[in-house]
Amino acid sequence: MDKFQAFGKNITASISPFAGRTQQYLKEQFGQADDKTQLPPDYIELEKRVDALKQVHQKLLQVTSQYTNEAYDYPPNIRESFNDLGRTITEKVHLLSNASSPSDVQTAFTAPPSAKPQPKTFNHAIARAALAGSQLLNETHSSAGEDPLATALEKYALSEEKVGEARLAQDAQIQSRFLAGWSTTLNTNLMFATRARKGVENSRLSLDATKAKSRSGGGRGMNIDDEMVSMSEDARHDVEQKEDDFVAQTEEAVGVMKNVLDTPEPLRNLADLIAAQLEFHKKAYEILGELAPVIDGLQVEQEVSLPHPLLSLSTPLIF
């Protein structure tokens, strides 16, 4: 029986503070609370800054989380088959170069993937379309030599595949060095700050609930000093304990929020994001920079090889 009574007392002791805070919270919501302990202006300023930092993380993560989706730039209007997503462009070009019959050519395009289906990125899709176009031109090219456009498309396909691979490397780097870091800040550091602020709010509600409970019948409208005088010794002791706890919770929350705001980790993560993007665009520039003069050369060769329209007039005009 004694154990049961002790258990009941523990339950009551744990429920009473929660009930007091809840009652005080409802009074404040309905404008029935006499007074509300005010938080220091510096503390309120820290809360605003932490809330702003949280929104920044949420908004940017909402956008940059697309880097975890391989097909974020894959055209929605195209339809590629399993065979289209088979071997890499490099593998197909190698097989085509060694093809000795139409069946070998067909095999190069329909062979199953050697590892896994090819990525669904915009650059890989361009590469596959360019190589298919190159092969179609070669199949219908009857003149001696190679079709200049077919040659250019094949080279373009190889370059676009390289750009696509560079984009995937960028995405992997962003996931590990930016998204992971910002997610940790949002889900851990900022969560600690939220928890500390919740502790302050609970402590404040408990303090104000204790004050309201300890007021004498004529205590309404008294200033703080008069209220403390009118309280009994036990009531005054309870209020002082709650005030000490409120001060301690506030100081702890201030320290947590300052740590969150002062850490250089978000800025370091942002620098990593920019570095990954810069590396990708640099590689894309280098790849396409090497390709451009080659395509220009093919264009010049084709223009030079074309007969001049005036030279095609074999019979002179006689007036």
Protein backbone atom coordinates (compact mmCIF):
# COMPACT_ATOMS: atom_id res chain seq x y z
CA MET A 1 0.00 0.00 0.00
CA ASP A 2 2.83 2.35 0.87
CA LYS A 3 4.47 1.65 -2.49
CA PHE A 4 1.21 2.36 -4.27
CA GLN A 5 0.80 5.65 -2.43
CA ALA A 6 4.40 6.62 -3.23
CA PHE A 7 3.81 5.78 -6.88
CA GLY A 8 0.70 7.92 -6.85
CA LYS A 9 2.62 10.82 -5.36
CA ASN A 10 5.28 10.54 -8.07
CA ILE A 11 2.63 10.58 -10.78
CA THR A 12 0.98 13.60 -9.20
CA ALA A 13 4.31 15.38 -8.86
CA SER A 14 5.06 14.83 -12.56
CA ILE A 15 1.58 15.79 -13.76
CA SER A 16 1.10 18.87 -11.59
CA PRO A 17 3.86 21.00 -13.22
CA PHE A 18 2.57 20.07 -16.69
CA ALA A 19 -1.00 20.88 -15.68
CA GLY A 20 0.11 24.20 -14.17
CA ARG A 21 2.02 25.15 -17.34
CA THR A 22 -0.91 24.16 -19.53
CA GLN A 23 -3.34 26.17 -17.46
CA GLN A 24 -1.06 29.19 -17.54
CA TYR A 25 -0.59 28.85 -21.31
CA LEU A 26 -4.35 28.76 -21.88
CA LYS A 27 -4.86 31.78 -19.65
CA GLU A 28 -2.32 33.72 -21.70
CA GLN A 29 -3.92 32.65 -24.97
CA PHE A 30 -7.32 33.89 -23.82
CA GLY A 31 -5.95 37.06 -22.23
CA GLN A 32 -6.81 35.99 -18.70
CA ALA A 33 -3.29 36.01 -17.25
CA ASP A 34 -2.48 38.85 -14.88
CA ASP A 35 1.20 39.14 -15.75
CA LYS A 36 3.65 37.44 -18.06
CA THR A 37 7.33 37.28 -17.27
CA GLN A 38 9.16 39.05 -20.07
CA LEU A 39 12.23 37.59 -21.72
CA PRO A 40 15.36 39.76 -22.06
CA PRO A 41 15.57 41.75 -25.34
CA ASP A 42 18.92 40.13 -26.19
CA TYR A 43 17.33 36.69 -25.81
CA ILE A 44 14.45 37.63 -28.11
CA GLU A 45 16.95 38.92 -30.69
CA LEU A 46 18.80 35.60 -30.58
CA GLU A 47 15.53 33.75 -31.13
CA LYS A 48 14.82 35.83 -34.24
CA ARG A 49 18.28 35.13 -35.63
CA VAL A 50 17.96 31.40 -34.98
CA ASP A 51 14.53 31.34 -36.65
CA ALA A 52 15.98 33.12 -39.68
CA LEU A 53 18.87 30.65 -39.87
CA LYS A 54 16.42 27.76 -39.72
CA GLN A 55 14.35 29.18 -42.58
CA VAL A 56 17.49 29.69 -44.67
CA HIS A 57 18.45 26.04 -44.21
CA GLN A 58 14.96 24.77 -44.96
CA LYS A 59 14.53 26.83 -48.14
CA LEU A 60 17.93 26.07 -49.64
CA LEU A 61 17.71 22.38 -48.75
CA GLN A 62 14.30 22.23 -50.39
CA VAL A 63 15.91 23.29 -53.68
CA THR A 64 19.34 21.66 -53.48
CA SER A 65 17.90 18.30 -52.43
CA GLN A 66 17.34 17.85 -56.18
CA TYR A 67 21.00 16.91 -56.37
CA THR A 68 20.00 13.56 -54.86
CA ASN A 69 17.74 12.91 -57.86
CA GLU A 70 19.85 11.72 -60.78
CA ALA A 71 17.22 12.66 -63.36
CA TYR A 72 16.57 16.23 -62.18
CA ASP A 73 17.42 17.61 -65.63
CA TYR A 74 16.27 14.62 -67.68
CA PRO A 75 13.80 15.76 -70.40
CA PRO A 76 10.30 14.56 -69.51
CA ASN A 77 9.18 14.50 -73.14
CA ILE A 78 11.57 11.80 -74.40
CA ARG A 79 11.10 8.06 -74.22
CA GLU A 80 14.17 5.86 -74.09
CA SER A 81 13.97 2.07 -74.10
CA PHE A 82 15.98 -0.41 -72.06
CA ASN A 83 18.24 -0.90 -75.08
CA ASP A 84 18.78 2.86 -75.37
CA LEU A 85 20.00 2.84 -71.77
CA GLY A 86 22.29 -0.12 -72.36
CA ARG A 87 26.02 0.32 -72.84
CA THR A 88 27.87 3.59 -72.45
CA ILE A 89 28.51 5.83 -75.42
CA THR A 90 32.19 4.96 -75.23
CA GLU A 91 31.40 1.25 -75.32
CA LYS A 92 29.02 1.67 -78.25
CA VAL A 93 31.54 3.70 -80.25
CA HIS A 94 34.15 1.00 -79.63
CA LEU A 95 31.78 -1.73 -80.79
CA LEU A 96 30.78 0.31 -83.84
CA SER A 97 34.39 0.87 -84.83
CA ASN A 98 34.92 -2.90 -84.86
CA ALA A 99 31.60 -3.74 -86.53
CA SER A 100 31.98 -5.65 -89.79
CA SER A 101 28.33 -6.29 -90.58
CA PRO A 102 24.88 -4.74 -90.04
CA SER A 103 24.23 -7.28 -87.29
CA ASP A 104 27.34 -6.11 -85.44
CA VAL A 105 26.07 -2.55 -85.68
CA GLN A 106 22.70 -3.57 -84.31
CA THR A 107 24.37 -5.45 -81.47
CA ALA A 108 26.32 -2.34 -80.50
CA PHE A 109 23.05 -0.49 -79.89
CA THR A 110 20.97 -3.30 -78.39
CA ALA A 111 23.51 -5.08 -76.20
CA PRO A 112 22.46 -5.22 -72.54
CA PRO A 113 24.30 -3.00 -70.06
CA SER A 114 27.62 -4.27 -68.81
CA ALA A 115 26.93 -3.05 -65.27
CA LYS A 116 23.77 -1.03 -64.82
CA PRO A 117 21.49 1.10 -67.02
CA GLN A 118 23.04 4.35 -68.14
CA PRO A 119 22.26 7.52 -66.22
CA LYS A 120 19.18 9.54 -67.01
CA THR A 121 20.73 12.99 -67.21
CA PHE A 122 20.23 15.64 -69.86
CA ASN A 123 23.82 15.33 -71.08
CA HIS A 124 23.63 11.53 -71.33
CA ALA A 125 20.33 11.83 -73.21
CA ILE A 126 21.93 14.26 -75.69
CA ALA A 127 24.87 11.87 -76.09
CA ARG A 128 22.60 8.92 -76.85
CA ALA A 129 20.55 10.94 -79.34
CA ALA A 130 23.68 12.27 -81.06
CA LEU A 131 25.22 8.81 -81.42
CA ALA A 132 21.96 7.36 -82.78
CA GLY A 133 21.84 10.20 -85.31
CA SER A 134 25.45 9.59 -86.29
CA GLN A 135 24.80 5.92 -86.94
CA LEU A 136 21.65 6.66 -88.95
CA LEU A 137 23.61 9.02 -91.21
CA ASN A 138 26.38 6.45 -91.67
CA GLU A 139 23.86 3.78 -92.65
CA THR A 140 22.46 6.01 -95.42
CA HIS A 141 25.80 7.45 -96.53
CA SER A 142 26.70 5.99 -99.90
CA SER A 143 29.56 8.26 -101.00
CA ALA A 144 33.21 7.52 -100.44
CA GLY A 145 34.62 8.56 -97.11
CA GLU A 146 32.79 9.47 -93.94
CA ASP A 147 29.80 11.72 -93.53
CA PRO A 148 31.14 14.90 -91.82
CA LEU A 149 27.99 15.43 -89.78
CA ALA A 150 27.98 11.80 -88.65
CA THR A 151 31.58 12.14 -87.53
CA ALA A 152 30.82 15.37 -85.70
CA LEU A 153 27.79 13.86 -83.95
CA GLU A 154 29.84 10.89 -82.74
CA LYS A 155 32.49 13.17 -81.28
CA TYR A 156 29.78 15.34 -79.74
CA ALA A 157 28.18 12.25 -78.17
CA LEU A 158 31.46 11.22 -76.55
CA SER A 159 31.97 14.73 -75.17
CA GLU A 160 28.42 15.02 -73.82
CA GLU A 161 28.84 11.71 -72.02
CA LYS A 162 31.94 13.11 -70.32
CA VAL A 163 29.99 16.22 -69.31
CA GLY A 164 27.23 14.00 -67.91
CA GLU A 165 29.74 12.03 -65.85
CA ALA A 166 31.19 15.29 -64.54
CA ARG A 167 27.69 16.36 -63.52
CA LEU A 168 27.19 13.12 -61.60
CA ALA A 169 30.53 13.65 -59.85
CA GLN A 170 29.38 17.16 -58.90
CA ASP A 171 26.12 15.79 -57.48
CA ALA A 172 27.93 13.19 -55.38
CA GLN A 173 30.25 15.84 -53.97
CA ILE A 174 27.35 18.16 -53.15
CA GLN A 175 25.47 15.36 -51.40
CA SER A 176 28.40 14.44 -49.17
CA ARG A 177 29.85 17.88 -48.46
CA PHE A 178 26.89 20.26 -48.58
CA LEU A 179 23.57 18.47 -48.14
CA ALA A 180 24.89 16.29 -45.33
CA GLY A 181 26.32 19.29 -43.48
CA TRP A 182 23.27 21.51 -43.82
CA SER A 183 20.96 18.65 -42.86
CA THR A 184 23.03 18.08 -39.72
CA THR A 185 22.77 21.75 -38.80
CA LEU A 186 19.01 21.73 -39.36
CA ASN A 187 18.24 18.40 -37.69
CA THR A 188 20.79 18.53 -34.88
CA ASN A 189 22.21 21.94 -34.00
CA LEU A 190 19.01 23.88 -34.62
CA MET A 191 17.02 21.13 -32.93
CA PHE A 192 19.15 21.56 -29.79
CA ALA A 193 18.39 25.28 -29.90
CA THR A 194 14.68 24.58 -30.26
CA ARG A 195 14.79 22.20 -27.33
CA ALA A 196 16.62 24.76 -25.17
CA ARG A 197 14.09 27.44 -26.08
CA LYS A 198 11.28 25.06 -25.20
CA GLY A 199 12.90 24.60 -21.80
CA VAL A 200 12.87 28.36 -21.29
CA GLU A 201 9.22 28.61 -22.27
CA ASN A 202 8.23 25.77 -19.94
CA SER A 203 10.23 27.33 -17.11
CA ARG A 204 8.57 30.70 -17.70
CA LEU A 205 5.10 29.17 -17.72
CA SER A 206 5.88 27.30 -14.49
CA LEU A 207 7.15 30.51 -12.90
CA ASP A 208 4.07 32.51 -13.87
CA ALA A 209 1.75 29.66 -12.85
CA THR A 210 3.45 29.50 -9.45
CA LYS A 211 3.15 33.26 -9.05
CA ALA A 212 -0.54 33.15 -9.94
CA LYS A 213 -1.15 30.31 -7.49
CA SER A 214 0.80 31.99 -4.69
CA ARG A 215 -0.94 35.35 -4.90
CA SER A 216 -3.10 36.29 -1.94
CA GLY A 217 -6.68 37.17 -2.43
CA GLY A 218 -5.81 40.85 -2.72
CA GLY A 219 -2.74 40.32 -4.84
CA ARG A 220 -4.25 41.25 -8.21
CA GLY A 221 -2.67 44.41 -9.56
CA MET A 222 0.16 44.48 -7.03
CA ASN A 223 3.69 45.19 -8.15
CA ILE A 224 6.34 42.48 -7.84
CA ASP A 225 7.70 43.68 -4.47
CA ASP A 226 4.23 43.87 -2.91
CA GLU A 227 3.39 40.44 -4.26
CA MET A 228 6.46 38.90 -2.67
CA VAL A 229 5.63 40.48 0.68
CA SER A 230 2.03 39.24 0.59
CA MET A 231 3.10 35.65 -0.12
CA SER A 232 3.62 33.07 2.55
CA GLU A 233 7.13 31.84 3.24
CA ASP A 234 6.52 28.57 1.39
CA ALA A 235 4.97 30.35 -1.57
CA ARG A 236 7.85 32.82 -1.73
CA HIS A 237 10.30 29.93 -1.66
CA ASP A 238 8.50 28.20 -4.54
CA VAL A 239 8.57 31.37 -6.63
CA GLU A 240 12.25 31.92 -5.94
CA GLN A 241 13.03 28.35 -7.00
CA LYS A 242 11.09 28.83 -10.23
CA GLU A 243 12.88 32.12 -10.86
CA ASP A 244 16.27 30.48 -10.38
CA ASP A 245 15.29 27.71 -12.78
CA PHE A 246 14.03 30.27 -15.32
CA VAL A 247 17.31 32.19 -15.16
CA ALA A 248 19.33 28.97 -15.53
CA GLN A 249 17.25 27.78 -18.49
CA THR A 250 17.56 31.16 -20.17
CA GLU A 251 21.34 31.28 -19.76
CA GLU A 252 21.66 27.75 -21.14
CA ALA A 253 19.47 28.58 -24.15
CA VAL A 254 21.50 31.72 -24.83
CA GLY A 255 24.68 29.66 -24.91
CA VAL A 256 23.16 27.06 -27.23
CA MET A 257 21.76 29.65 -29.63
CA LYS A 258 25.05 31.56 -29.76
CA ASN A 259 26.92 28.35 -30.58
CA VAL A 260 24.49 27.64 -33.43
CA LEU A 261 24.78 31.16 -34.81
CA ASP A 262 28.55 31.44 -34.45
CA THR A 263 29.55 28.09 -35.97
CA PRO A 264 31.31 28.48 -39.35
CA GLU A 265 30.00 25.12 -40.57
CA PRO A 266 27.13 26.48 -42.75
CA LEU A 267 29.47 28.88 -44.53
CA ARG A 268 32.01 26.09 -44.99
CA ASN A 269 29.29 23.86 -46.47
CA LEU A 270 28.22 26.65 -48.83
CA ALA A 271 31.82 27.04 -50.00
CA ASP A 272 31.87 23.29 -50.72
CA LEU A 273 28.68 23.62 -52.77
CA ILE A 274 30.16 26.41 -54.86
CA ALA A 275 33.44 24.51 -55.28
CA ALA A 276 31.59 21.46 -56.60
CA GLN A 277 29.58 23.57 -59.05
CA LEU A 278 32.69 25.41 -60.17
CA GLU A 279 34.57 22.15 -60.76
CA PHE A 280 31.71 20.81 -62.88
CA HIS A 281 31.43 23.92 -65.05
CA LYS A 282 35.20 24.04 -65.40
CA LYS A 283 35.29 20.44 -66.64
CA ALA A 284 32.34 21.04 -68.97
CA TYR A 285 34.14 24.08 -70.38
CA GLU A 286 37.33 22.11 -70.92
CA ILE A 287 35.53 19.19 -72.59
CA LEU A 288 33.48 21.34 -74.92
CA GLY A 289 36.44 23.67 -75.44
CA GLU A 290 38.44 20.76 -76.88
CA LEU A 291 35.49 19.65 -79.02
CA ALA A 292 34.57 23.01 -80.56
CA PRO A 293 37.69 23.47 -82.78
CA VAL A 294 37.37 19.87 -83.99
CA ILE A 295 33.80 20.47 -85.12
CA ASP A 296 34.83 23.79 -86.66
CA GLY A 297 37.57 21.96 -88.57
CA LEU A 298 35.08 19.43 -89.92
CA GLN A 299 32.84 22.27 -91.02
CA VAL A 300 35.69 24.06 -92.83
CA GLU A 301 36.77 20.84 -94.57
CA GLN A 302 33.23 20.22 -95.78
CA GLU A 303 32.88 23.77 -97.10
CA VAL A 304 36.23 23.56 -98.92
CA SER A 305 35.32 20.26 -100.54
CA LEU A 306 32.07 21.61 -101.95
CA PRO A 307 32.27 22.74 -105.62
CA HIS A 308 31.76 26.44 -106.19
CA PRO A 309 28.40 27.13 -107.80
CA LEU A 310 29.94 29.24 -110.62
CA LEU A 311 32.51 26.56 -111.44
CA SER A 312 29.73 24.07 -112.10
CA LEU A 313 28.77 26.03 -115.23
CA SER A 314 30.77 24.00 -117.81
CA THR A 315 29.31 25.74 -120.84
CA PRO A 316 30.07 29.44 -121.24
CA LEU A 317 27.16 31.74 -121.95
CA ILE A 318 27.14 33.17 -125.52
CA PHE A 319 25.35 36.37 -126.23
